Amino acid sequence: MLKIKRVYENLTKIIVYLFNIKNLRSNWGQLLLLLIPIILTIPPLLATISDSVFGIVGVVVLFIMGWSHNLNNIMNCEEYKNDAEKLDRDVEHLISTLESVPEKVVKAFYNKLDFTYNE
């Protein structure tokens, strides 16, 4: 029972997320992939769709459009991950560069003032 409740809560969160207007622009493909099988399980809608060739072709075209849009989003996510990894490397490089600045300043003063090892 607890497992069913968890599945229901997760499904509810997904549906609320997908129906959010901001998310609908970027996730309409996922929404189609979620709704088409649900619509096809309703007997009157299934009968209406399967009665005409245009209904079947329309459902297949919508499913392919949603699937291709979803694949496009997945590829964009991979690009974002690669960009994030590059930015992490850049941040690490900047941190190491900034950590070496005080040492360089001390060395510059040391050389400029002609200090020896005694000072």
PDB file of N, CA and C in Angstrom:
ATOM      1  N   MET A   1       0.826  -1.195   0.000  1.00  0.00           N
ATOM      2  CA  MET A   1       0.000   0.000   0.000  1.00  0.00           C
ATOM      3  C   MET A   1       0.869   1.257   0.000  1.00  0.00           C
ATOM      4  N   LEU A   2       1.957   1.206   0.770  1.00  0.00           N
ATOM      5  CA  LEU A   2       2.856   2.352   0.839  1.00  0.00           C
ATOM      6  C   LEU A   2       3.515   2.607  -0.511  1.00  0.00           C
ATOM      7  N   LYS A   3       3.839   1.530  -1.222  1.00  0.00           N
ATOM      8  CA  LYS A   3       4.467   1.651  -2.534  1.00  0.00           C
ATOM      9  C   LYS A   3       3.504   2.306  -3.531  1.00  0.00           C
ATOM     10  N   ILE A   4       2.235   1.914  -3.500  1.00  0.00           N
ATOM     11  CA  ILE A   4       1.232   2.492  -4.394  1.00  0.00           C
ATOM     12  C   ILE A   4       1.059   3.972  -4.085  1.00  0.00           C
ATOM     13  N   LYS A   5       1.062   4.321  -2.809  1.00  0.00           N
ATOM     14  CA  LYS A   5       0.910   5.722  -2.418  1.00  0.00           C
ATOM     15  C   LYS A   5       2.086   6.538  -2.928  1.00  0.00           C
ATOM     16  N   ARG A   6       3.299   5.984  -2.832  1.00  0.00           N
ATOM     17  CA  ARG A   6       4.492   6.676  -3.306  1.00  0.00           C
ATOM     18  C   ARG A   6       4.445   6.878  -4.827  1.00  0.00           C
ATOM     19  N   VAL A   7       4.005   5.846  -5.551  1.00  0.00           N
ATOM     20  CA  VAL A   7       3.882   5.944  -7.008  1.00  0.00           C
ATOM     21  C   VAL A   7       2.855   7.010  -7.367  1.00  0.00           C
ATOM     22  N   TYR A   8       1.724   7.017  -6.662  1.00  0.00           N
ATOM     23  CA  TYR A   8       0.684   8.014  -6.905  1.00  0.00           C
ATOM     24  C   TYR A   8       1.209   9.427  -6.646  1.00  0.00           C
ATOM     25  N   GLU A   9       1.934   9.617  -5.549  1.00  0.00           N
ATOM     26  CA  GLU A   9       2.484  10.941  -5.235  1.00  0.00           C
ATOM     27  C   GLU A   9       3.488  11.389  -6.294  1.00  0.00           C
ATOM     28  N   ASN A  10       4.348  10.463  -6.745  1.00  0.00           N
ATOM     29  CA  ASN A  10       5.320  10.814  -7.777  1.00  0.00           C
ATOM     30  C   ASN A  10       4.633  11.149  -9.091  1.00  0.00           C
ATOM     31  N   LEU A  11       3.611  10.387  -9.460  1.00  0.00           N
ATOM     32  CA  LEU A  11       2.869  10.665 -10.684  1.00  0.00           C
ATOM     33  C   LEU A  11       2.170  12.018 -10.593  1.00  0.00           C
ATOM     34  N   THR A  12       1.621  12.317  -9.423  1.00  0.00           N
ATOM     35  CA  THR A  12       0.976  13.612  -9.224  1.00  0.00           C
ATOM     36  C   THR A  12       1.975  14.752  -9.371  1.00  0.00           C
ATOM     37  N   LYS A  13       3.164  14.596  -8.802  1.00  0.00           N
ATOM     38  CA  LYS A  13       4.196  15.626  -8.928  1.00  0.00           C
ATOM     39  C   LYS A  13       4.593  15.828 -10.385  1.00  0.00           C
ATOM     40  N   ILE A  14       4.732  14.733 -11.132  1.00  0.00           N
ATOM     41  CA  ILE A  14       5.109  14.827 -12.542  1.00  0.00           C
ATOM     42  C   ILE A  14       4.033  15.555 -13.333  1.00  0.00           C
ATOM     43  N   ILE A  15       2.776  15.213 -13.093  1.00  0.00           N
ATOM     44  CA  ILE A  15       1.682  15.854 -13.838  1.00  0.00           C
ATOM     45  C   ILE A  15       1.602  17.333 -13.503  1.00  0.00           C
ATOM     46  N   VAL A  16       1.731  17.687 -12.232  1.00  0.00           N
ATOM     47  CA  VAL A  16       1.704  19.109 -11.841  1.00  0.00           C
ATOM     48  C   VAL A  16       2.875  19.845 -12.482  1.00  0.00           C
ATOM     49  N   TYR A  17       4.048  19.225 -12.503  1.00  0.00           N
ATOM     50  CA  TYR A  17       5.226  19.836 -13.121  1.00  0.00           C
ATOM     51  C   TYR A  17       5.016  20.045 -14.620  1.00  0.00           C
ATOM     52  N   LEU A  18       4.456  19.042 -15.286  1.00  0.00           N
ATOM     53  CA  LEU A  18       4.265  19.142 -16.728  1.00  0.00           C
ATOM     54  C   LEU A  18       3.202  20.161 -17.104  1.00  0.00           C
ATOM     55  N   PHE A  19       2.171  20.315 -16.276  1.00  0.00           N
ATOM     56  CA  PHE A  19       1.107  21.254 -16.601  1.00  0.00           C
ATOM     57  C   PHE A  19       1.428  22.688 -16.192  1.00  0.00           C
ATOM     58  N   ASN A  20       2.540  22.912 -15.549  1.00  0.00           N
ATOM     59  CA  ASN A  20       2.967  24.266 -15.234  1.00  0.00           C
ATOM     60  C   ASN A  20       3.273  24.974 -16.552  1.00  0.00           C
ATOM     61  N   ILE A  21       2.777  26.189 -16.733  1.00  0.00           N
ATOM     62  CA  ILE A  21       2.888  26.897 -18.012  1.00  0.00           C
ATOM     63  C   ILE A  21       4.340  27.089 -18.427  1.00  0.00           C
ATOM     64  N   LYS A  22       5.215  27.445 -17.480  1.00  0.00           N
ATOM     65  CA  LYS A  22       6.622  27.644 -17.829  1.00  0.00           C
ATOM     66  C   LYS A  22       7.247  26.348 -18.316  1.00  0.00           C
ATOM     67  N   ASN A  23       6.882  25.244 -17.688  1.00  0.00           N
ATOM     68  CA  ASN A  23       7.452  23.953 -18.054  1.00  0.00           C
ATOM     69  C   ASN A  23       6.794  23.361 -19.295  1.00  0.00           C
ATOM     70  N   LEU A  24       5.572  23.772 -19.584  1.00  0.00           N
ATOM     71  CA  LEU A  24       4.853  23.216 -20.725  1.00  0.00           C
ATOM     72  C   LEU A  24       5.537  23.557 -22.040  1.00  0.00           C
ATOM     73  N   ARG A  25       6.145  24.732 -22.118  1.00  0.00           N
ATOM     74  CA  ARG A  25       6.846  25.121 -23.347  1.00  0.00           C
ATOM     75  C   ARG A  25       8.022  24.209 -23.646  1.00  0.00           C
ATOM     76  N   SER A  26       8.718  23.786 -22.624  1.00  0.00           N
ATOM     77  CA  SER A  26       9.907  22.958 -22.858  1.00  0.00           C
ATOM     78  C   SER A  26       9.635  21.469 -22.714  1.00  0.00           C
ATOM     79  N   ASN A  27       8.507  21.084 -22.115  1.00  0.00           N
ATOM     80  CA  ASN A  27       8.245  19.667 -21.853  1.00  0.00           C
ATOM     81  C   ASN A  27       6.974  19.150 -22.500  1.00  0.00           C
ATOM     82  N   TRP A  28       6.517  19.788 -23.577  1.00  0.00           N
ATOM     83  CA  TRP A  28       5.280  19.331 -24.203  1.00  0.00           C
ATOM     84  C   TRP A  28       5.442  17.932 -24.791  1.00  0.00           C
ATOM     85  N   GLY A  29       6.646  17.555 -25.181  1.00  0.00           N
ATOM     86  CA  GLY A  29       6.875  16.213 -25.709  1.00  0.00           C
ATOM     87  C   GLY A  29       6.652  15.146 -24.643  1.00  0.00           C
ATOM     88  N   GLN A  30       7.127  15.412 -23.439  1.00  0.00           N
ATOM     89  CA  GLN A  30       6.910  14.469 -22.338  1.00  0.00           C
ATOM     90  C   GLN A  30       5.434  14.367 -21.998  1.00  0.00           C
ATOM     91  N   LEU A  31       4.735  15.499 -22.088  1.00  0.00           N
ATOM     92  CA  LEU A  31       3.304  15.497 -21.807  1.00  0.00           C
ATOM     93  C   LEU A  31       2.563  14.631 -22.825  1.00  0.00           C
ATOM     94  N   LEU A  32       2.929  14.752 -24.099  1.00  0.00           N
ATOM     95  CA  LEU A  32       2.309  13.895 -25.120  1.00  0.00           C
ATOM     96  C   LEU A  32       2.597  12.422 -24.854  1.00  0.00           C
ATOM     97  N   LEU A  33       3.844  12.115 -24.517  1.00  0.00           N
ATOM     98  CA  LEU A  33       4.202  10.723 -24.255  1.00  0.00           C
ATOM     99  C   LEU A  33       3.474  10.172 -23.032  1.00  0.00           C
ATOM    100  N   LEU A  34       3.089  11.048 -22.126  1.00  0.00           N
ATOM    101  CA  LEU A  34       2.355  10.624 -20.938  1.00  0.00           C
ATOM    102  C   LEU A  34       0.861  10.487 -21.231  1.00  0.00           C
ATOM    103  N   LEU A  35       0.307  11.420 -22.000  1.00  0.00           N
ATOM    104  CA  LEU A  35      -1.142  11.454 -22.198  1.00  0.00           C
ATOM    105  C   LEU A  35      -1.644  10.492 -23.270  1.00  0.00           C
ATOM    106  N   ILE A  36      -0.868  10.255 -24.329  1.00  0.00           N
ATOM    107  CA  ILE A  36      -1.360   9.401 -25.423  1.00  0.00           C
ATOM    108  C   ILE A  36      -1.695   7.993 -24.930  1.00  0.00           C
ATOM    109  N   PRO A  37      -0.822   7.318 -24.168  1.00  0.00           N
ATOM    110  CA  PRO A  37      -1.232   5.987 -23.680  1.00  0.00           C
ATOM    111  C   PRO A  37      -2.435   6.033 -22.736  1.00  0.00           C
ATOM    112  N   ILE A  38      -2.539   7.107 -21.954  1.00  0.00           N
ATOM    113  CA  ILE A  38      -3.692   7.233 -21.053  1.00  0.00           C
ATOM    114  C   ILE A  38      -4.972   7.400 -21.864  1.00  0.00           C
ATOM    115  N   ILE A  39      -4.919   8.231 -22.913  1.00  0.00           N
ATOM    116  CA  ILE A  39      -6.092   8.440 -23.765  1.00  0.00           C
ATOM    117  C   ILE A  39      -6.488   7.151 -24.468  1.00  0.00           C
ATOM    118  N   LEU A  40      -5.491   6.365 -24.887  1.00  0.00           N
ATOM    119  CA  LEU A  40      -5.790   5.129 -25.607  1.00  0.00           C
ATOM    120  C   LEU A  40      -6.378   4.042 -24.704  1.00  0.00           C
ATOM    121  N   THR A  41      -6.341   4.226 -23.385  1.00  0.00           N
ATOM    122  CA  THR A  41      -6.953   3.247 -22.484  1.00  0.00           C
ATOM    123  C   THR A  41      -8.423   3.542 -22.221  1.00  0.00           C
ATOM    124  N   ILE A  42      -8.902   4.695 -22.662  1.00  0.00           N
ATOM    125  CA  ILE A  42     -10.318   5.049 -22.485  1.00  0.00           C
ATOM    126  C   ILE A  42     -11.085   4.484 -23.683  1.00  0.00           C
ATOM    127  N   PRO A  43     -11.983   3.521 -23.464  1.00  0.00           N
ATOM    128  CA  PRO A  43     -12.635   2.816 -24.583  1.00  0.00           C
ATOM    129  C   PRO A  43     -13.370   3.712 -25.593  1.00  0.00           C
ATOM    130  N   PRO A  44     -14.169   4.710 -25.169  1.00  0.00           N
ATOM    131  CA  PRO A  44     -14.849   5.524 -26.196  1.00  0.00           C
ATOM    132  C   PRO A  44     -13.859   6.318 -27.062  1.00  0.00           C
ATOM    133  N   LEU A  45     -12.789   6.830 -26.439  1.00  0.00           N
ATOM    134  CA  LEU A  45     -11.797   7.576 -27.216  1.00  0.00           C
ATOM    135  C   LEU A  45     -11.014   6.650 -28.143  1.00  0.00           C
ATOM    136  N   LEU A  46     -10.704   5.463 -27.665  1.00  0.00           N
ATOM    137  CA  LEU A  46      -9.999   4.487 -28.491  1.00  0.00           C
ATOM    138  C   LEU A  46     -10.849   4.096 -29.697  1.00  0.00           C
ATOM    139  N   ALA A  47     -12.148   3.906 -29.486  1.00  0.00           N
ATOM    140  CA  ALA A  47     -13.040   3.556 -30.597  1.00  0.00           C
ATOM    141  C   ALA A  47     -13.115   4.687 -31.610  1.00  0.00           C
ATOM    142  N   THR A  48     -13.189   5.924 -31.131  1.00  0.00           N
ATOM    143  CA  THR A  48     -13.257   7.078 -32.029  1.00  0.00           C
ATOM    144  C   THR A  48     -11.975   7.219 -32.837  1.00  0.00           C
ATOM    145  N   ILE A  49     -10.848   7.038 -32.198  1.00  0.00           N
ATOM    146  CA  ILE A  49      -9.559   7.174 -32.882  1.00  0.00           C
ATOM    147  C   ILE A  49      -9.349   6.033 -33.873  1.00  0.00           C
ATOM    148  N   SER A  50      -9.706   4.814 -33.497  1.00  0.00           N
ATOM    149  CA  SER A  50      -9.432   3.673 -34.368  1.00  0.00           C
ATOM    150  C   SER A  50     -10.433   3.536 -35.510  1.00  0.00           C
ATOM    151  N   ASP A  51     -11.537   4.290 -35.481  1.00  0.00           N
ATOM    152  CA  ASP A  51     -12.524   4.230 -36.568  1.00  0.00           C
ATOM    153  C   ASP A  51     -12.016   4.887 -37.849  1.00  0.00           C
ATOM    154  N   SER A  52     -11.118   5.841 -37.734  1.00  0.00           N
ATOM    155  CA  SER A  52     -10.644   6.520 -38.945  1.00  0.00           C
ATOM    156  C   SER A  52      -9.136   6.378 -39.073  1.00  0.00           C
ATOM    157  N   VAL A  53      -8.696   6.402 -40.310  1.00  0.00           N
ATOM    158  CA  VAL A  53      -7.264   6.322 -40.587  1.00  0.00           C
ATOM    159  C   VAL A  53      -6.568   7.581 -40.079  1.00  0.00           C
ATOM    160  N   PHE A  54      -7.257   8.722 -40.210  1.00  0.00           N
ATOM    161  CA  PHE A  54      -6.664   9.983 -39.768  1.00  0.00           C
ATOM    162  C   PHE A  54      -6.437   9.998 -38.262  1.00  0.00           C
ATOM    163  N   GLY A  55      -7.317   9.346 -37.514  1.00  0.00           N
ATOM    164  CA  GLY A  55      -7.139   9.281 -36.070  1.00  0.00           C
ATOM    165  C   GLY A  55      -5.909   8.484 -35.690  1.00  0.00           C
ATOM    166  N   ILE A  56      -5.726   7.338 -36.333  1.00  0.00           N
ATOM    167  CA  ILE A  56      -4.565   6.499 -36.047  1.00  0.00           C
ATOM    168  C   ILE A  56      -3.281   7.202 -36.463  1.00  0.00           C
ATOM    169  N   VAL A  57      -3.299   7.773 -37.686  1.00  0.00           N
ATOM    170  CA  VAL A  57      -2.108   8.486 -38.173  1.00  0.00           C
ATOM    171  C   VAL A  57      -1.819   9.686 -37.284  1.00  0.00           C
ATOM    172  N   GLY A  58      -2.868  10.388 -36.850  1.00  0.00           N
ATOM    173  CA  GLY A  58      -2.681  11.552 -35.977  1.00  0.00           C
ATOM    174  C   GLY A  58      -2.041  11.183 -34.657  1.00  0.00           C
ATOM    175  N   VAL A  59      -2.501  10.084 -34.062  1.00  0.00           N
ATOM    176  CA  VAL A  59      -1.929   9.646 -32.788  1.00  0.00           C
ATOM    177  C   VAL A  59      -0.472   9.240 -32.976  1.00  0.00           C
ATOM    178  N   VAL A  60      -0.189   8.521 -34.063  1.00  0.00           N
ATOM    179  CA  VAL A  60       1.191   8.096 -34.322  1.00  0.00           C
ATOM    180  C   VAL A  60       2.086   9.306 -34.567  1.00  0.00           C
ATOM    181  N   VAL A  61       1.601  10.280 -35.337  1.00  0.00           N
ATOM    182  CA  VAL A  61       2.397  11.491 -35.606  1.00  0.00           C
ATOM    183  C   VAL A  61       2.640  12.275 -34.323  1.00  0.00           C
ATOM    184  N   LEU A  62       1.604  12.424 -33.502  1.00  0.00           N
ATOM    185  CA  LEU A  62       1.778  13.134 -32.226  1.00  0.00           C
ATOM    186  C   LEU A  62       2.771  12.411 -31.330  1.00  0.00           C
ATOM    187  N   PHE A  63       2.692  11.069 -31.316  1.00  0.00           N
ATOM    188  CA  PHE A  63       3.615  10.297 -30.488  1.00  0.00           C
ATOM    189  C   PHE A  63       5.055  10.478 -30.975  1.00  0.00           C
ATOM    190  N   ILE A  64       5.267  10.440 -32.288  1.00  0.00           N
ATOM    191  CA  ILE A  64       6.619  10.614 -32.839  1.00  0.00           C
ATOM    192  C   ILE A  64       7.123  12.026 -32.577  1.00  0.00           C
ATOM    193  N   MET A  65       6.253  13.032 -32.702  1.00  0.00           N
ATOM    194  CA  MET A  65       6.660  14.418 -32.414  1.00  0.00           C
ATOM    195  C   MET A  65       7.082  14.561 -30.954  1.00  0.00           C
ATOM    196  N   GLY A  66       6.294  13.994 -30.046  1.00  0.00           N
ATOM    197  CA  GLY A  66       6.638  14.068 -28.629  1.00  0.00           C
ATOM    198  C   GLY A  66       7.932  13.348 -28.327  1.00  0.00           C
ATOM    199  N   TRP A  67       8.121  12.199 -28.942  1.00  0.00           N
ATOM    200  CA  TRP A  67       9.338  11.408 -28.733  1.00  0.00           C
ATOM    201  C   TRP A  67      10.556  12.158 -29.246  1.00  0.00           C
ATOM    202  N   SER A  68      10.456  12.751 -30.457  1.00  0.00           N
ATOM    203  CA  SER A  68      11.609  13.484 -31.005  1.00  0.00           C
ATOM    204  C   SER A  68      11.906  14.731 -30.177  1.00  0.00           C
ATOM    205  N   HIS A  69      10.880  15.418 -29.689  1.00  0.00           N
ATOM    206  CA  HIS A  69      11.107  16.591 -28.846  1.00  0.00           C
ATOM    207  C   HIS A  69      11.778  16.183 -27.541  1.00  0.00           C
ATOM    208  N   ASN A  70      11.370  15.044 -27.004  1.00  0.00           N
ATOM    209  CA  ASN A  70      11.968  14.546 -25.771  1.00  0.00           C
ATOM    210  C   ASN A  70      13.440  14.201 -25.996  1.00  0.00           C
ATOM    211  N   LEU A  71      13.760  13.577 -27.143  1.00  0.00           N
ATOM    212  CA  LEU A  71      15.161  13.269 -27.459  1.00  0.00           C
ATOM    213  C   LEU A  71      15.981  14.546 -27.597  1.00  0.00           C
ATOM    214  N   ASN A  72      15.388  15.582 -28.197  1.00  0.00           N
ATOM    215  CA  ASN A  72      16.073  16.871 -28.334  1.00  0.00           C
ATOM    216  C   ASN A  72      16.379  17.460 -26.966  1.00  0.00           C
ATOM    217  N   ASN A  73      15.432  17.355 -26.036  1.00  0.00           N
ATOM    218  CA  ASN A  73      15.668  17.853 -24.673  1.00  0.00           C
ATOM    219  C   ASN A  73      16.777  17.078 -23.990  1.00  0.00           C
ATOM    220  N   ILE A  74      16.837  15.767 -24.224  1.00  0.00           N
ATOM    221  CA  ILE A  74      17.887  14.946 -23.617  1.00  0.00           C
ATOM    222  C   ILE A  74      19.254  15.372 -24.135  1.00  0.00           C
ATOM    223  N   MET A  75      19.348  15.638 -25.451  1.00  0.00           N
ATOM    224  CA  MET A  75      20.628  16.079 -26.021  1.00  0.00           C
ATOM    225  C   MET A  75      21.022  17.444 -25.472  1.00  0.00           C
ATOM    226  N   ASN A  76      20.037  18.331 -25.285  1.00  0.00           N
ATOM    227  CA  ASN A  76      20.332  19.639 -24.704  1.00  0.00           C
ATOM    228  C   ASN A  76      20.828  19.495 -23.272  1.00  0.00           C
ATOM    229  N   CYS A  77      20.277  18.545 -22.535  1.00  0.00           N
ATOM    230  CA  CYS A  77      20.735  18.307 -21.161  1.00  0.00           C
ATOM    231  C   CYS A  77      22.186  17.844 -21.153  1.00  0.00           C
ATOM    232  N   GLU A  78      22.559  17.004 -22.115  1.00  0.00           N
ATOM    233  CA  GLU A  78      23.943  16.549 -22.203  1.00  0.00           C
ATOM    234  C   GLU A  78      24.872  17.723 -22.481  1.00  0.00           C
ATOM    235  N   GLU A  79      24.444  18.638 -23.352  1.00  0.00           N
ATOM    236  CA  GLU A  79      25.259  19.823 -23.630  1.00  0.00           C
ATOM    237  C   GLU A  79      25.415  20.672 -22.371  1.00  0.00           C
ATOM    238  N   TYR A  80      24.344  20.818 -21.599  1.00  0.00           N
ATOM    239  CA  TYR A  80      24.414  21.592 -20.368  1.00  0.00           C
ATOM    240  C   TYR A  80      25.349  20.935 -19.359  1.00  0.00           C
ATOM    241  N   LYS A  81      25.328  19.603 -19.303  1.00  0.00           N
ATOM    242  CA  LYS A  81      26.229  18.900 -18.392  1.00  0.00           C
ATOM    243  C   LYS A  81      27.682  19.119 -18.796  1.00  0.00           C
ATOM    244  N   ASN A  82      27.947  19.068 -20.101  1.00  0.00           N
ATOM    245  CA  ASN A  82      29.311  19.310 -20.575  1.00  0.00           C
ATOM    246  C   ASN A  82      29.748  20.737 -20.262  1.00  0.00           C
ATOM    247  N   ASP A  83      28.837  21.697 -20.468  1.00  0.00           N
ATOM    248  CA  ASP A  83      29.162  23.089 -20.139  1.00  0.00           C
ATOM    249  C   ASP A  83      29.420  23.256 -18.651  1.00  0.00           C
ATOM    250  N   ALA A  84      28.632  22.573 -17.825  1.00  0.00           N
ATOM    251  CA  ALA A  84      28.816  22.674 -16.377  1.00  0.00           C
ATOM    252  C   ALA A  84      30.164  22.087 -15.960  1.00  0.00           C
ATOM    253  N   GLU A  85      30.556  20.979 -16.576  1.00  0.00           N
ATOM    254  CA  GLU A  85      31.861  20.392 -16.258  1.00  0.00           C
ATOM    255  C   GLU A  85      32.992  21.331 -16.668  1.00  0.00           C
ATOM    256  N   LYS A  86      32.853  21.977 -17.818  1.00  0.00           N
ATOM    257  CA  LYS A  86      33.877  22.930 -18.268  1.00  0.00           C
ATOM    258  C   LYS A  86      33.949  24.113 -17.307  1.00  0.00           C
ATOM    259  N   LEU A  87      32.811  24.603 -16.868  1.00  0.00           N
ATOM    260  CA  LEU A  87      32.801  25.713 -15.918  1.00  0.00           C
ATOM    261  C   LEU A  87      33.420  25.302 -14.580  1.00  0.00           C
ATOM    262  N   ASP A  88      33.178  24.081 -14.152  1.00  0.00           N
ATOM    263  CA  ASP A  88      33.806  23.595 -12.911  1.00  0.00           C
ATOM    264  C   ASP A  88      35.324  23.577 -13.041  1.00  0.00           C
ATOM    265  N   ARG A  89      35.821  23.123 -14.193  1.00  0.00           N
ATOM    266  CA  ARG A  89      37.271  23.125 -14.404  1.00  0.00           C
ATOM    267  C   ARG A  89      37.817  24.548 -14.417  1.00  0.00           C
ATOM    268  N   ASP A  90      37.073  25.482 -15.039  1.00  0.00           N
ATOM    269  CA  ASP A  90      37.509  26.884 -15.066  1.00  0.00           C
ATOM    270  C   ASP A  90      37.548  27.475 -13.660  1.00  0.00           C
ATOM    271  N   VAL A  91      36.558  27.139 -12.846  1.00  0.00           N
ATOM    272  CA  VAL A  91      36.516  27.642 -11.467  1.00  0.00           C
ATOM    273  C   VAL A  91      37.705  27.110 -10.675  1.00  0.00           C
ATOM    274  N   GLU A  92      38.008  25.822 -10.840  1.00  0.00           N
ATOM    275  CA  GLU A  92      39.150  25.246 -10.140  1.00  0.00           C
ATOM    276  C   GLU A  92      40.451  25.924 -10.562  1.00  0.00           C
ATOM    277  N   HIS A  93      40.580  26.222 -11.855  1.00  0.00           N
ATOM    278  CA  HIS A  93      41.770  26.910 -12.346  1.00  0.00           C
ATOM    279  C   HIS A  93      41.867  28.319 -11.757  1.00  0.00           C
ATOM    280  N   LEU A  94      40.755  29.035 -11.706  1.00  0.00           N
ATOM    281  CA  LEU A  94      40.758  30.378 -11.124  1.00  0.00           C
ATOM    282  C   LEU A  94      41.092  30.351  -9.638  1.00  0.00           C
ATOM    283  N   ILE A  95      40.576  29.376  -8.929  1.00  0.00           N
ATOM    284  CA  ILE A  95      40.872  29.270  -7.499  1.00  0.00           C
ATOM    285  C   ILE A  95      42.360  29.028  -7.285  1.00  0.00           C
ATOM    286  N   SER A  96      42.939  28.115  -8.071  1.00  0.00           N
ATOM    287  CA  SER A  96      44.371  27.848  -7.904  1.00  0.00           C
ATOM    288  C   SER A  96      45.197  29.067  -8.290  1.00  0.00           C
ATOM    289  N   THR A  97      44.748  29.817  -9.298  1.00  0.00           N
ATOM    290  CA  THR A  97      45.460  31.038  -9.697  1.00  0.00           C
ATOM    291  C   THR A  97      45.384  32.086  -8.595  1.00  0.00           C
ATOM    292  N   LEU A  98      44.195  32.262  -8.017  1.00  0.00           N
ATOM    293  CA  LEU A  98      44.031  33.256  -6.963  1.00  0.00           C
ATOM    294  C   LEU A  98      44.780  32.868  -5.692  1.00  0.00           C
ATOM    295  N   GLU A  99      44.921  31.586  -5.433  1.00  0.00           N
ATOM    296  CA  GLU A  99      45.667  31.164  -4.255  1.00  0.00           C
ATOM    297  C   GLU A  99      47.151  31.453  -4.399  1.00  0.00           C
ATOM    298  N   SER A 100      47.644  31.507  -5.625  1.00  0.00           N
ATOM    299  CA  SER A 100      49.068  31.771  -5.835  1.00  0.00           C
ATOM    300  C   SER A 100      49.390  33.268  -5.879  1.00  0.00           C
ATOM    301  N   VAL A 101      48.375  34.136  -5.918  1.00  0.00           N
ATOM    302  CA  VAL A 101      48.610  35.587  -5.996  1.00  0.00           C
ATOM    303  C   VAL A 101      49.351  36.120  -4.769  1.00  0.00           C
ATOM    304  N   PRO A 102      48.957  35.806  -3.527  1.00  0.00           N
ATOM    305  CA  PRO A 102      49.701  36.353  -2.376  1.00  0.00           C
ATOM    306  C   PRO A 102      51.182  35.948  -2.389  1.00  0.00           C
ATOM    307  N   GLU A 103      51.472  34.738  -2.802  1.00  0.00           N
ATOM    308  CA  GLU A 103      52.857  34.297  -2.874  1.00  0.00           C
ATOM    309  C   GLU A 103      53.638  35.127  -3.897  1.00  0.00           C
ATOM    310  N   LYS A 104      53.007  35.425  -5.016  1.00  0.00           N
ATOM    311  CA  LYS A 104      53.666  36.230  -6.048  1.00  0.00           C
ATOM    312  C   LYS A 104      53.888  37.664  -5.569  1.00  0.00           C
ATOM    313  N   VAL A 105      52.944  38.199  -4.790  1.00  0.00           N
ATOM    314  CA  VAL A 105      53.078  39.564  -4.267  1.00  0.00           C
ATOM    315  C   VAL A 105      54.247  39.631  -3.285  1.00  0.00           C
ATOM    316  N   VAL A 106      54.337  38.648  -2.410  1.00  0.00           N
ATOM    317  CA  VAL A 106      55.436  38.614  -1.440  1.00  0.00           C
ATOM    318  C   VAL A 106      56.775  38.505  -2.168  1.00  0.00           C
ATOM    319  N   LYS A 107      56.857  37.675  -3.178  1.00  0.00           N
ATOM    320  CA  LYS A 107      58.091  37.532  -3.945  1.00  0.00           C
ATOM    321  C   LYS A 107      58.449  38.833  -4.652  1.00  0.00           C
ATOM    322  N   ALA A 108      57.435  39.545  -5.170  1.00  0.00           N
ATOM    323  CA  ALA A 108      57.698  40.819  -5.848  1.00  0.00           C
ATOM    324  C   ALA A 108      58.260  41.842  -4.864  1.00  0.00           C
ATOM    325  N   PHE A 109      57.652  41.935  -3.662  1.00  0.00           N
ATOM    326  CA  PHE A 109      58.189  42.851  -2.643  1.00  0.00           C
ATOM    327  C   PHE A 109      59.601  42.448  -2.246  1.00  0.00           C
ATOM    328  N   TYR A 110      59.816  41.188  -2.076  1.00  0.00           N
ATOM    329  CA  TYR A 110      61.122  40.658  -1.689  1.00  0.00           C
ATOM    330  C   TYR A 110      62.189  41.074  -2.709  1.00  0.00           C
ATOM    331  N   ASN A 111      61.857  40.895  -3.994  1.00  0.00           N
ATOM    332  CA  ASN A 111      62.817  41.255  -5.041  1.00  0.00           C
ATOM    333  C   ASN A 111      62.962  42.769  -5.194  1.00  0.00           C
ATOM    334  N   LYS A 112      61.883  43.491  -5.068  1.00  0.00           N
ATOM    335  CA  LYS A 112      61.898  44.952  -5.256  1.00  0.00           C
ATOM    336  C   LYS A 112      62.710  45.626  -4.151  1.00  0.00           C
ATOM    337  N   LEU A 113      62.572  45.149  -2.925  1.00  0.00           N
ATOM    338  CA  LEU A 113      63.269  45.775  -1.794  1.00  0.00           C
ATOM    339  C   LEU A 113      64.658  45.177  -1.559  1.00  0.00           C
ATOM    340  N   ASP A 114      65.079  44.293  -2.442  1.00  0.00           N
ATOM    341  CA  ASP A 114      66.390  43.650  -2.350  1.00  0.00           C
ATOM    342  C   ASP A 114      66.622  43.018  -0.976  1.00  0.00           C
ATOM    343  N   PHE A 115      65.652  42.302  -0.514  1.00  0.00           N
ATOM    344  CA  PHE A 115      65.811  41.615   0.760  1.00  0.00           C
ATOM    345  C   PHE A 115      66.752  40.427   0.583  1.00  0.00           C
ATOM    346  N   THR A 116      67.349  40.058   1.701  1.00  0.00           N
ATOM    347  CA  THR A 116      68.160  38.845   1.720  1.00  0.00           C
ATOM    348  C   THR A 116      67.451  37.844   2.598  1.00  0.00           C
ATOM    349  N   TYR A 117      68.111  36.736   2.851  1.00  0.00           N
ATOM    350  CA  TYR A 117      67.483  35.715   3.690  1.00  0.00           C
ATOM    351  C   TYR A 117      67.385  36.128   5.136  1.00  0.00           C
ATOM    352  N   ASN A 118      68.116  37.127   5.541  1.00  0.00           N
ATOM    353  CA  ASN A 118      68.066  37.587   6.935  1.00  0.00           C
ATOM    354  C   ASN A 118      66.781  38.317   7.268  1.00  0.00           C
ATOM    355  N   GLU A 119      66.199  39.029   6.295  1.00  0.00           N
ATOM    356  CA  GLU A 119      64.990  39.771   6.571  1.00  0.00           C
ATOM    357  C   GLU A 119      63.810  38.844   6.609  1.00  0.00           C
TER     358      GLU A 119
END
